[in-house]
Amino acid sequence: MAEVSEENDYVVWRTLATVFDGVALSHLGDPETGLTMTERGIELYSGLTAPPVFWPDLLRLRALVHSTAGRHERGLELIDEAISIGGPDNLTNPEFLIIRGDVLSSFPDPDHEAAGESYRIAAEGAGAGGFHLVELQALTRLVGIRRQTGRSPDGSERLASLYATFTEGLDEHDLVAARETLAS
């Protein structure tokens, strides 16, 4: 994407490529360089007259990168801003609530209750919207956090029931994570 956008002077796409490269670097083990690159892409995007269609997703990605770099408070601020843009309706972007739970779980002293609530609301919204993979992601995390905190019931029956509806792609990361959670 970066090469094509550079060759054709597609400024919006070059900006997004910079952000995506930063996110990738962050998750591949270089969070500081990834954060620097992501923020450079955000600066470029802020200077454009592009429609704001990408802004909530950029905030979501920034939240992940900040959290990965140990800037948990800033990550939480960013994901909360992204959620507020979409409104309080959890059907709009349930995956944003998953990220919120992930950020809350990444703090040195995690707020398991708040993280679990984010996962629960995400699962409900995703289920109601028919986003079964997102629902599976949320339920997998919810069961994990409930087990970690000794909460019962942990929701594994609901996760198992949803997992059983998947008939292909069983080697996909999220399905493997759900299967491993159910097996533990």
N, C-alpha and C. Protein backbone atom coordinates (compact mmCIF):
# COMPACT_ATOMS: atom_id res chain seq x y z
N MET A 1 0.82 -1.18 0.00
CA MET A 1 0.00 0.00 0.00
C MET A 1 0.87 1.25 0.00
N ALA A 2 1.94 1.24 0.75
CA ALA A 2 2.81 2.41 0.84
C ALA A 2 3.45 2.72 -0.50
N GLU A 3 3.91 1.68 -1.20
CA GLU A 3 4.57 1.90 -2.49
C GLU A 3 3.61 2.47 -3.52
N VAL A 4 2.43 1.90 -3.62
CA VAL A 4 1.45 2.37 -4.60
C VAL A 4 1.02 3.79 -4.28
N SER A 5 0.79 4.08 -3.00
CA SER A 5 0.36 5.43 -2.61
C SER A 5 1.47 6.45 -2.88
N GLU A 6 2.71 6.05 -2.70
CA GLU A 6 3.84 6.94 -2.96
C GLU A 6 3.97 7.21 -4.45
N GLU A 7 3.91 6.16 -5.25
CA GLU A 7 4.04 6.30 -6.70
C GLU A 7 2.96 7.18 -7.30
N ASN A 8 1.76 7.10 -6.75
CA ASN A 8 0.62 7.81 -7.32
C ASN A 8 0.21 9.06 -6.53
N ASP A 9 1.00 9.40 -5.53
CA ASP A 9 0.75 10.56 -4.69
C ASP A 9 -0.64 10.52 -4.06
N TYR A 10 -1.01 9.34 -3.53
CA TYR A 10 -2.26 9.17 -2.79
C TYR A 10 -1.96 9.47 -1.34
N VAL A 11 -2.12 10.72 -0.97
CA VAL A 11 -1.68 11.19 0.35
C VAL A 11 -2.43 10.47 1.48
N VAL A 12 -3.75 10.32 1.35
CA VAL A 12 -4.51 9.66 2.42
C VAL A 12 -4.01 8.23 2.61
N TRP A 13 -3.81 7.52 1.51
CA TRP A 13 -3.37 6.12 1.61
C TRP A 13 -1.94 6.02 2.14
N ARG A 14 -1.09 6.97 1.75
CA ARG A 14 0.28 6.97 2.28
C ARG A 14 0.24 7.21 3.80
N THR A 15 -0.62 8.10 4.22
CA THR A 15 -0.77 8.38 5.65
C THR A 15 -1.25 7.14 6.39
N LEU A 16 -2.27 6.47 5.86
CA LEU A 16 -2.78 5.26 6.50
C LEU A 16 -1.72 4.16 6.50
N ALA A 17 -0.94 4.05 5.43
CA ALA A 17 0.12 3.05 5.38
C ALA A 17 1.15 3.31 6.48
N THR A 18 1.44 4.57 6.75
CA THR A 18 2.38 4.92 7.81
C THR A 18 1.84 4.45 9.17
N VAL A 19 0.55 4.68 9.40
CA VAL A 19 -0.06 4.23 10.65
C VAL A 19 -0.02 2.71 10.73
N PHE A 20 -0.42 2.03 9.67
CA PHE A 20 -0.45 0.56 9.68
C PHE A 20 0.95 -0.02 9.90
N ASP A 21 1.95 0.59 9.28
CA ASP A 21 3.33 0.12 9.49
C ASP A 21 3.73 0.30 10.96
N GLY A 22 3.32 1.41 11.55
CA GLY A 22 3.62 1.64 12.96
C GLY A 22 2.96 0.62 13.87
N VAL A 23 1.71 0.30 13.57
CA VAL A 23 1.00 -0.70 14.36
C VAL A 23 1.70 -2.05 14.23
N ALA A 24 2.07 -2.40 13.01
CA ALA A 24 2.75 -3.68 12.79
C ALA A 24 4.08 -3.73 13.55
N LEU A 25 4.87 -2.68 13.45
CA LEU A 25 6.16 -2.65 14.18
C LEU A 25 5.93 -2.80 15.68
N SER A 26 4.93 -2.12 16.17
CA SER A 26 4.61 -2.18 17.60
C SER A 26 4.32 -3.60 18.04
N HIS A 27 3.50 -4.29 17.27
CA HIS A 27 3.10 -5.65 17.64
C HIS A 27 4.15 -6.69 17.30
N LEU A 28 5.14 -6.32 16.49
CA LEU A 28 6.21 -7.24 16.17
C LEU A 28 7.41 -7.08 17.11
N GLY A 29 7.22 -6.29 18.18
CA GLY A 29 8.26 -6.24 19.21
C GLY A 29 9.04 -4.94 19.30
N ASP A 30 8.68 -3.92 18.52
CA ASP A 30 9.37 -2.64 18.61
C ASP A 30 8.33 -1.55 18.89
N PRO A 31 7.79 -1.54 20.11
CA PRO A 31 6.69 -0.63 20.41
C PRO A 31 7.05 0.85 20.33
N GLU A 32 8.27 1.21 20.68
CA GLU A 32 8.64 2.64 20.64
C GLU A 32 8.73 3.15 19.21
N THR A 33 9.36 2.39 18.33
CA THR A 33 9.43 2.79 16.92
C THR A 33 8.04 2.77 16.31
N GLY A 34 7.26 1.77 16.67
CA GLY A 34 5.89 1.68 16.18
C GLY A 34 5.06 2.87 16.63
N LEU A 35 5.23 3.28 17.87
CA LEU A 35 4.50 4.43 18.39
C LEU A 35 4.90 5.70 17.65
N THR A 36 6.20 5.88 17.45
CA THR A 36 6.69 7.06 16.73
C THR A 36 6.11 7.11 15.32
N MET A 37 6.13 5.98 14.63
CA MET A 37 5.62 5.93 13.27
C MET A 37 4.11 6.15 13.23
N THR A 38 3.41 5.54 14.16
CA THR A 38 1.95 5.71 14.22
C THR A 38 1.60 7.17 14.45
N GLU A 39 2.26 7.80 15.39
CA GLU A 39 1.98 9.22 15.67
C GLU A 39 2.35 10.11 14.49
N ARG A 40 3.39 9.77 13.75
CA ARG A 40 3.74 10.54 12.55
C ARG A 40 2.62 10.42 11.52
N GLY A 41 2.07 9.21 11.36
CA GLY A 41 0.95 9.03 10.45
C GLY A 41 -0.27 9.81 10.89
N ILE A 42 -0.52 9.85 12.20
CA ILE A 42 -1.66 10.61 12.74
C ILE A 42 -1.47 12.10 12.46
N GLU A 43 -0.26 12.60 12.63
CA GLU A 43 0.02 14.01 12.33
C GLU A 43 -0.26 14.30 10.87
N LEU A 44 0.17 13.41 9.98
CA LEU A 44 -0.09 13.59 8.55
C LEU A 44 -1.59 13.60 8.27
N TYR A 45 -2.30 12.66 8.88
CA TYR A 45 -3.74 12.56 8.67
C TYR A 45 -4.47 13.80 9.18
N SER A 46 -4.03 14.32 10.33
CA SER A 46 -4.66 15.50 10.91
C SER A 46 -4.51 16.72 10.01
N GLY A 47 -3.47 16.75 9.20
CA GLY A 47 -3.24 17.87 8.30
C GLY A 47 -3.98 17.76 6.98
N LEU A 48 -4.71 16.69 6.76
CA LEU A 48 -5.42 16.48 5.50
C LEU A 48 -6.85 17.01 5.58
N THR A 49 -7.42 17.22 4.44
CA THR A 49 -8.83 17.58 4.38
C THR A 49 -9.66 16.36 4.01
N ALA A 50 -9.19 15.22 4.43
CA ALA A 50 -9.88 13.96 4.14
C ALA A 50 -11.14 13.85 4.99
N PRO A 51 -12.12 13.12 4.50
CA PRO A 51 -13.31 12.91 5.33
C PRO A 51 -12.92 12.13 6.59
N PRO A 52 -13.64 12.35 7.68
CA PRO A 52 -13.25 11.74 8.96
C PRO A 52 -13.61 10.26 9.09
N VAL A 53 -13.91 9.60 7.99
CA VAL A 53 -14.38 8.22 8.04
C VAL A 53 -13.40 7.28 8.73
N PHE A 54 -12.12 7.55 8.61
CA PHE A 54 -11.11 6.66 9.19
C PHE A 54 -10.80 6.99 10.65
N TRP A 55 -11.24 8.16 11.13
CA TRP A 55 -10.79 8.63 12.45
C TRP A 55 -11.07 7.67 13.59
N PRO A 56 -12.29 7.12 13.76
CA PRO A 56 -12.48 6.19 14.87
C PRO A 56 -11.55 4.98 14.81
N ASP A 57 -11.33 4.44 13.62
CA ASP A 57 -10.43 3.29 13.50
C ASP A 57 -8.99 3.68 13.78
N LEU A 58 -8.59 4.89 13.39
CA LEU A 58 -7.24 5.35 13.71
C LEU A 58 -7.06 5.51 15.20
N LEU A 59 -8.09 6.02 15.88
CA LEU A 59 -8.03 6.12 17.33
C LEU A 59 -7.90 4.74 17.97
N ARG A 60 -8.63 3.77 17.44
CA ARG A 60 -8.57 2.39 17.95
C ARG A 60 -7.15 1.84 17.80
N LEU A 61 -6.55 2.05 16.64
CA LEU A 61 -5.19 1.57 16.41
C LEU A 61 -4.18 2.30 17.31
N ARG A 62 -4.37 3.59 17.45
CA ARG A 62 -3.48 4.36 18.35
C ARG A 62 -3.58 3.84 19.77
N ALA A 63 -4.80 3.52 20.21
CA ALA A 63 -4.99 3.00 21.56
C ALA A 63 -4.19 1.73 21.75
N LEU A 64 -4.24 0.84 20.77
CA LEU A 64 -3.47 -0.41 20.86
C LEU A 64 -1.98 -0.14 20.94
N VAL A 65 -1.50 0.76 20.10
CA VAL A 65 -0.06 1.04 20.06
C VAL A 65 0.40 1.69 21.36
N HIS A 66 -0.38 2.63 21.86
CA HIS A 66 0.00 3.26 23.14
C HIS A 66 0.01 2.24 24.26
N SER A 67 -0.98 1.37 24.29
CA SER A 67 -1.04 0.35 25.33
C SER A 67 0.15 -0.61 25.22
N THR A 68 0.48 -1.01 24.00
CA THR A 68 1.61 -1.91 23.78
C THR A 68 2.92 -1.26 24.22
N ALA A 69 3.01 0.06 24.06
CA ALA A 69 4.22 0.79 24.46
C ALA A 69 4.23 1.14 25.94
N GLY A 70 3.22 0.65 26.70
CA GLY A 70 3.18 0.89 28.13
C GLY A 70 2.51 2.18 28.53
N ARG A 71 1.90 2.86 27.58
CA ARG A 71 1.19 4.11 27.87
C ARG A 71 -0.31 3.80 27.97
N HIS A 72 -0.64 3.07 29.02
CA HIS A 72 -1.98 2.51 29.18
C HIS A 72 -3.05 3.59 29.35
N GLU A 73 -2.77 4.59 30.14
CA GLU A 73 -3.75 5.67 30.35
C GLU A 73 -4.11 6.34 29.02
N ARG A 74 -3.09 6.64 28.23
CA ARG A 74 -3.33 7.28 26.93
C ARG A 74 -4.10 6.33 26.02
N GLY A 75 -3.77 5.06 26.08
CA GLY A 75 -4.51 4.09 25.28
C GLY A 75 -5.98 4.06 25.66
N LEU A 76 -6.27 4.13 26.95
CA LEU A 76 -7.65 4.14 27.41
C LEU A 76 -8.38 5.41 26.96
N GLU A 77 -7.71 6.55 27.05
CA GLU A 77 -8.31 7.80 26.57
C GLU A 77 -8.67 7.70 25.09
N LEU A 78 -7.76 7.15 24.30
CA LEU A 78 -7.98 7.07 22.85
C LEU A 78 -9.12 6.13 22.50
N ILE A 79 -9.19 4.97 23.14
CA ILE A 79 -10.28 4.04 22.81
C ILE A 79 -11.60 4.59 23.30
N ASP A 80 -11.61 5.27 24.42
CA ASP A 80 -12.85 5.89 24.89
C ASP A 80 -13.31 6.98 23.93
N GLU A 81 -12.38 7.73 23.38
CA GLU A 81 -12.74 8.75 22.37
C GLU A 81 -13.32 8.08 21.13
N ALA A 82 -12.71 7.00 20.69
CA ALA A 82 -13.22 6.28 19.51
C ALA A 82 -14.63 5.77 19.76
N ILE A 83 -14.86 5.23 20.95
CA ILE A 83 -16.19 4.70 21.30
C ILE A 83 -17.20 5.84 21.34
N SER A 84 -16.81 6.99 21.87
CA SER A 84 -17.74 8.11 21.99
C SER A 84 -18.16 8.65 20.62
N ILE A 85 -17.30 8.55 19.63
CA ILE A 85 -17.65 9.01 18.29
C ILE A 85 -18.75 8.15 17.71
N GLY A 86 -18.68 6.85 17.96
CA GLY A 86 -19.69 5.93 17.46
C GLY A 86 -20.98 5.98 18.24
N GLY A 87 -20.97 6.62 19.39
CA GLY A 87 -22.16 6.71 20.21
C GLY A 87 -22.23 5.57 21.20
N PRO A 88 -23.17 5.64 22.11
CA PRO A 88 -23.25 4.65 23.18
C PRO A 88 -23.79 3.29 22.74
N ASP A 89 -24.28 3.20 21.52
CA ASP A 89 -24.86 1.95 21.02
C ASP A 89 -23.75 0.92 20.79
N ASN A 90 -23.77 -0.17 21.53
CA ASN A 90 -22.72 -1.17 21.41
C ASN A 90 -22.83 -1.99 20.13
N LEU A 91 -23.85 -1.75 19.32
CA LEU A 91 -23.96 -2.45 18.04
C LEU A 91 -23.08 -1.81 16.98
N THR A 92 -22.71 -0.55 17.17
CA THR A 92 -21.97 0.19 16.15
C THR A 92 -20.60 -0.41 15.91
N ASN A 93 -19.81 -0.56 16.95
CA ASN A 93 -18.44 -1.07 16.83
C ASN A 93 -18.10 -1.93 18.04
N PRO A 94 -18.67 -3.12 18.14
CA PRO A 94 -18.37 -3.93 19.32
C PRO A 94 -16.89 -4.28 19.45
N GLU A 95 -16.17 -4.29 18.32
CA GLU A 95 -14.73 -4.60 18.42
C GLU A 95 -13.98 -3.50 19.16
N PHE A 96 -14.52 -2.28 19.19
CA PHE A 96 -13.88 -1.21 19.95
C PHE A 96 -13.95 -1.53 21.45
N LEU A 97 -15.06 -2.13 21.87
CA LEU A 97 -15.20 -2.50 23.27
C LEU A 97 -14.25 -3.64 23.64
N ILE A 98 -13.94 -4.51 22.68
CA ILE A 98 -12.94 -5.55 22.92
C ILE A 98 -11.58 -4.89 23.17
N ILE A 99 -11.24 -3.93 22.33
CA ILE A 99 -9.97 -3.22 22.51
C ILE A 99 -9.95 -2.51 23.86
N ARG A 100 -11.08 -1.93 24.26
CA ARG A 100 -11.14 -1.28 25.56
C ARG A 100 -10.84 -2.29 26.68
N GLY A 101 -11.42 -3.48 26.58
CA GLY A 101 -11.13 -4.52 27.55
C GLY A 101 -9.67 -4.92 27.53
N ASP A 102 -9.11 -5.02 26.33
CA ASP A 102 -7.69 -5.38 26.20
C ASP A 102 -6.79 -4.32 26.83
N VAL A 103 -7.13 -3.05 26.59
CA VAL A 103 -6.33 -1.97 27.18
C VAL A 103 -6.44 -2.02 28.70
N LEU A 104 -7.65 -2.16 29.22
CA LEU A 104 -7.83 -2.25 30.68
C LEU A 104 -7.07 -3.44 31.26
N SER A 105 -7.01 -4.52 30.52
CA SER A 105 -6.30 -5.73 30.99
C SER A 105 -4.78 -5.56 30.95
N SER A 106 -4.31 -4.59 30.17
CA SER A 106 -2.86 -4.42 30.01
C SER A 106 -2.22 -3.55 31.07
N PHE A 107 -3.02 -2.88 31.89
CA PHE A 107 -2.47 -2.04 32.95
C PHE A 107 -1.65 -2.91 33.91
N PRO A 108 -0.64 -2.32 34.56
CA PRO A 108 0.12 -3.09 35.55
C PRO A 108 -0.77 -3.66 36.65
N ASP A 109 -1.79 -2.90 37.05
CA ASP A 109 -2.78 -3.36 38.02
C ASP A 109 -4.13 -3.34 37.29
N PRO A 110 -4.44 -4.40 36.53
CA PRO A 110 -5.60 -4.37 35.65
C PRO A 110 -6.93 -4.29 36.39
N ASP A 111 -7.87 -3.60 35.78
CA ASP A 111 -9.23 -3.53 36.29
C ASP A 111 -10.02 -4.65 35.62
N HIS A 112 -9.95 -5.84 36.21
CA HIS A 112 -10.59 -7.02 35.60
C HIS A 112 -12.10 -6.86 35.49
N GLU A 113 -12.70 -6.21 36.46
CA GLU A 113 -14.15 -6.02 36.44
C GLU A 113 -14.57 -5.18 35.24
N ALA A 114 -13.90 -4.05 35.06
CA ALA A 114 -14.23 -3.16 33.93
C ALA A 114 -13.89 -3.82 32.60
N ALA A 115 -12.77 -4.53 32.54
CA ALA A 115 -12.41 -5.23 31.30
C ALA A 115 -13.46 -6.28 30.97
N GLY A 116 -13.86 -7.05 31.96
CA GLY A 116 -14.89 -8.07 31.75
C GLY A 116 -16.19 -7.48 31.28
N GLU A 117 -16.55 -6.33 31.83
CA GLU A 117 -17.79 -5.66 31.42
C GLU A 117 -17.69 -5.20 29.97
N SER A 118 -16.53 -4.71 29.56
CA SER A 118 -16.35 -4.32 28.16
C SER A 118 -16.51 -5.53 27.24
N TYR A 119 -15.92 -6.65 27.63
CA TYR A 119 -16.04 -7.87 26.82
C TYR A 119 -17.49 -8.35 26.77
N ARG A 120 -18.18 -8.27 27.91
CA ARG A 120 -19.57 -8.73 27.96
C ARG A 120 -20.46 -7.89 27.04
N ILE A 121 -20.31 -6.58 27.11
CA ILE A 121 -21.12 -5.69 26.27
C ILE A 121 -20.76 -5.90 24.80
N ALA A 122 -19.48 -6.09 24.52
CA ALA A 122 -19.05 -6.34 23.14
C ALA A 122 -19.68 -7.63 22.61
N ALA A 123 -19.69 -8.67 23.43
CA ALA A 123 -20.28 -9.95 23.01
C ALA A 123 -21.76 -9.80 22.73
N GLU A 124 -22.46 -9.08 23.59
CA GLU A 124 -23.90 -8.86 23.38
C GLU A 124 -24.15 -8.09 22.10
N GLY A 125 -23.41 -7.01 21.90
CA GLY A 125 -23.59 -6.19 20.70
C GLY A 125 -23.25 -6.95 19.43
N ALA A 126 -22.15 -7.69 19.48
CA ALA A 126 -21.74 -8.46 18.31
C ALA A 126 -22.76 -9.55 18.00
N GLY A 127 -23.25 -10.21 19.03
CA GLY A 127 -24.25 -11.26 18.83
C GLY A 127 -25.53 -10.70 18.23
N ALA A 128 -25.99 -9.57 18.76
CA ALA A 128 -27.21 -8.95 18.26
C ALA A 128 -27.04 -8.47 16.82
N GLY A 129 -25.83 -8.06 16.48
CA GLY A 129 -25.57 -7.57 15.12
C GLY A 129 -25.21 -8.67 14.14
N GLY A 130 -25.08 -9.91 14.62
CA GLY A 130 -24.73 -11.02 13.75
C GLY A 130 -23.24 -11.10 13.41
N PHE A 131 -22.41 -10.43 14.22
CA PHE A 131 -20.96 -10.46 14.01
C PHE A 131 -20.36 -11.59 14.84
N HIS A 132 -20.50 -12.80 14.33
CA HIS A 132 -20.18 -13.98 15.14
C HIS A 132 -18.70 -14.11 15.49
N LEU A 133 -17.82 -13.72 14.59
CA LEU A 133 -16.39 -13.81 14.92
C LEU A 133 -16.03 -12.79 16.01
N VAL A 134 -16.57 -11.60 15.93
CA VAL A 134 -16.32 -10.59 16.96
C VAL A 134 -16.91 -11.06 18.29
N GLU A 135 -18.09 -11.67 18.23
CA GLU A 135 -18.70 -12.22 19.44
C GLU A 135 -17.80 -13.30 20.04
N LEU A 136 -17.24 -14.15 19.19
CA LEU A 136 -16.34 -15.21 19.65
C LEU A 136 -15.10 -14.60 20.32
N GLN A 137 -14.54 -13.56 19.72
CA GLN A 137 -13.38 -12.88 20.31
C GLN A 137 -13.71 -12.36 21.70
N ALA A 138 -14.85 -11.69 21.81
CA ALA A 138 -15.24 -11.11 23.10
C ALA A 138 -15.50 -12.20 24.14
N LEU A 139 -16.21 -13.25 23.74
CA LEU A 139 -16.52 -14.33 24.69
C LEU A 139 -15.26 -15.06 25.14
N THR A 140 -14.32 -15.26 24.22
CA THR A 140 -13.07 -15.93 24.58
C THR A 140 -12.35 -15.13 25.66
N ARG A 141 -12.27 -13.83 25.48
CA ARG A 141 -11.61 -12.97 26.47
C ARG A 141 -12.41 -12.94 27.78
N LEU A 142 -13.73 -12.88 27.66
CA LEU A 142 -14.58 -12.83 28.85
C LEU A 142 -14.43 -14.09 29.69
N VAL A 143 -14.46 -15.25 29.05
CA VAL A 143 -14.28 -16.52 29.77
C VAL A 143 -12.90 -16.54 30.43
N GLY A 144 -11.88 -16.10 29.69
CA GLY A 144 -10.52 -16.07 30.25
C GLY A 144 -10.42 -15.20 31.48
N ILE A 145 -11.00 -14.01 31.43
CA ILE A 145 -10.89 -13.10 32.57
C ILE A 145 -11.73 -13.59 33.74
N ARG A 146 -12.88 -14.19 33.45
CA ARG A 146 -13.70 -14.74 34.54
C ARG A 146 -12.99 -15.90 35.22
N ARG A 147 -12.33 -16.73 34.45
CA ARG A 147 -11.57 -17.84 35.06
C ARG A 147 -10.41 -17.31 35.88
N GLN A 148 -9.75 -16.30 35.34
CA GLN A 148 -8.59 -15.71 36.02
C GLN A 148 -8.99 -15.13 37.37
N THR A 149 -10.19 -14.59 37.46
CA THR A 149 -10.64 -13.97 38.71
C THR A 149 -11.51 -14.90 39.54
N GLY A 150 -11.69 -16.15 39.10
CA GLY A 150 -12.45 -17.13 39.86
C GLY A 150 -13.95 -16.92 39.82
N ARG A 151 -14.42 -16.22 38.82
CA ARG A 151 -15.85 -15.93 38.72
C ARG A 151 -16.59 -17.11 38.09
N SER A 152 -17.73 -17.44 38.68
CA SER A 152 -18.53 -18.55 38.17
C SER A 152 -19.98 -18.11 38.12
N PRO A 153 -20.70 -18.47 37.09
CA PRO A 153 -20.26 -19.24 35.92
C PRO A 153 -19.34 -18.37 35.05
N ASP A 154 -18.49 -19.03 34.32
CA ASP A 154 -17.50 -18.30 33.53
C ASP A 154 -17.94 -18.01 32.10
N GLY A 155 -19.06 -18.56 31.68
CA GLY A 155 -19.56 -18.30 30.33
C GLY A 155 -19.07 -19.28 29.29
N SER A 156 -18.39 -20.34 29.73
CA SER A 156 -17.83 -21.28 28.76
C SER A 156 -18.90 -22.01 27.96
N GLU A 157 -20.11 -22.19 28.55
CA GLU A 157 -21.17 -22.86 27.79
C GLU A 157 -21.56 -22.03 26.58
N ARG A 158 -21.71 -20.73 26.78
CA ARG A 158 -22.06 -19.84 25.67
C ARG A 158 -20.95 -19.82 24.62
N LEU A 159 -19.70 -19.79 25.07
CA LEU A 159 -18.57 -19.81 24.14
C LEU A 159 -18.56 -21.12 23.36
N ALA A 160 -18.76 -22.23 24.04
CA ALA A 160 -18.76 -23.54 23.37
C ALA A 160 -19.89 -23.62 22.34
N SER A 161 -21.04 -23.11 22.69
CA SER A 161 -22.18 -23.13 21.78
C SER A 161 -21.89 -22.31 20.53
N LEU A 162 -21.32 -21.14 20.70
CA LEU A 162 -20.97 -20.30 19.55
C LEU A 162 -19.86 -20.94 18.73
N TYR A 163 -18.84 -21.45 19.40
CA TYR A 163 -17.72 -22.09 18.70
C TYR A 163 -18.23 -23.23 17.82
N ALA A 164 -19.21 -23.99 18.29
CA ALA A 164 -19.73 -25.14 17.53
C ALA A 164 -20.40 -24.72 16.23
N THR A 165 -20.75 -23.44 16.09
CA THR A 165 -21.39 -22.99 14.84
C THR A 165 -20.38 -22.77 13.72
N PHE A 166 -19.11 -22.71 14.06
CA PHE A 166 -18.08 -22.50 13.04
C PHE A 166 -17.72 -23.86 12.43
N THR A 167 -17.78 -23.95 11.11
CA THR A 167 -17.53 -25.22 10.44
C THR A 167 -16.30 -25.18 9.55
N GLU A 168 -15.73 -24.01 9.36
CA GLU A 168 -14.52 -23.90 8.54
C GLU A 168 -13.62 -22.83 9.14
N GLY A 169 -12.38 -22.79 8.67
CA GLY A 169 -11.42 -21.84 9.20
C GLY A 169 -11.01 -22.14 10.62
N LEU A 170 -11.08 -23.39 11.00
CA LEU A 170 -10.83 -23.76 12.40
C LEU A 170 -9.38 -23.54 12.83
N ASP A 171 -8.48 -23.31 11.87
CA ASP A 171 -7.10 -23.00 12.21
C ASP A 171 -6.85 -21.49 12.32
N GLU A 172 -7.90 -20.69 12.11
CA GLU A 172 -7.79 -19.25 12.23
C GLU A 172 -7.52 -18.90 13.69
N HIS A 173 -6.72 -17.87 13.90
CA HIS A 173 -6.23 -17.49 15.23
C HIS A 173 -7.33 -17.41 16.29
N ASP A 174 -8.42 -16.72 15.98
CA ASP A 174 -9.47 -16.54 16.99
C ASP A 174 -10.18 -17.84 17.34
N LEU A 175 -10.32 -18.72 16.38
CA LEU A 175 -10.95 -20.02 16.65
C LEU A 175 -10.01 -20.91 17.45
N VAL A 176 -8.74 -20.83 17.16
CA VAL A 176 -7.75 -21.59 17.95
C VAL A 176 -7.76 -21.08 19.39
N ALA A 177 -7.80 -19.77 19.58
CA ALA A 177 -7.82 -19.20 20.94
C ALA A 177 -9.07 -19.64 21.69
N ALA A 178 -10.21 -19.67 21.03
CA ALA A 178 -11.45 -20.10 21.67
C ALA A 178 -11.35 -21.58 22.05
N ARG A 179 -10.85 -22.38 21.15
CA ARG A 179 -10.72 -23.82 21.41
C ARG A 179 -9.77 -24.06 22.58
N GLU A 180 -8.65 -23.34 22.63
CA GLU A 180 -7.71 -23.50 23.73
C GLU A 180 -8.31 -23.04 25.06
N THR A 181 -9.09 -21.96 25.01
CA THR A 181 -9.76 -21.48 26.23
C THR A 181 -10.73 -22.53 26.73
N LEU A 182 -11.49 -23.12 25.83
CA LEU A 182 -12.46 -24.15 26.22
C LEU A 182 -11.77 -25.40 26.76
N ALA A 183 -10.58 -25.71 26.23
CA ALA A 183 -9.87 -26.92 26.64
C ALA A 183 -9.17 -26.75 27.99
N SER A 184 -8.93 -25.51 28.39
CA SER A 184 -8.17 -25.31 29.64
C SER A 184 -9.03 -25.37 30.87
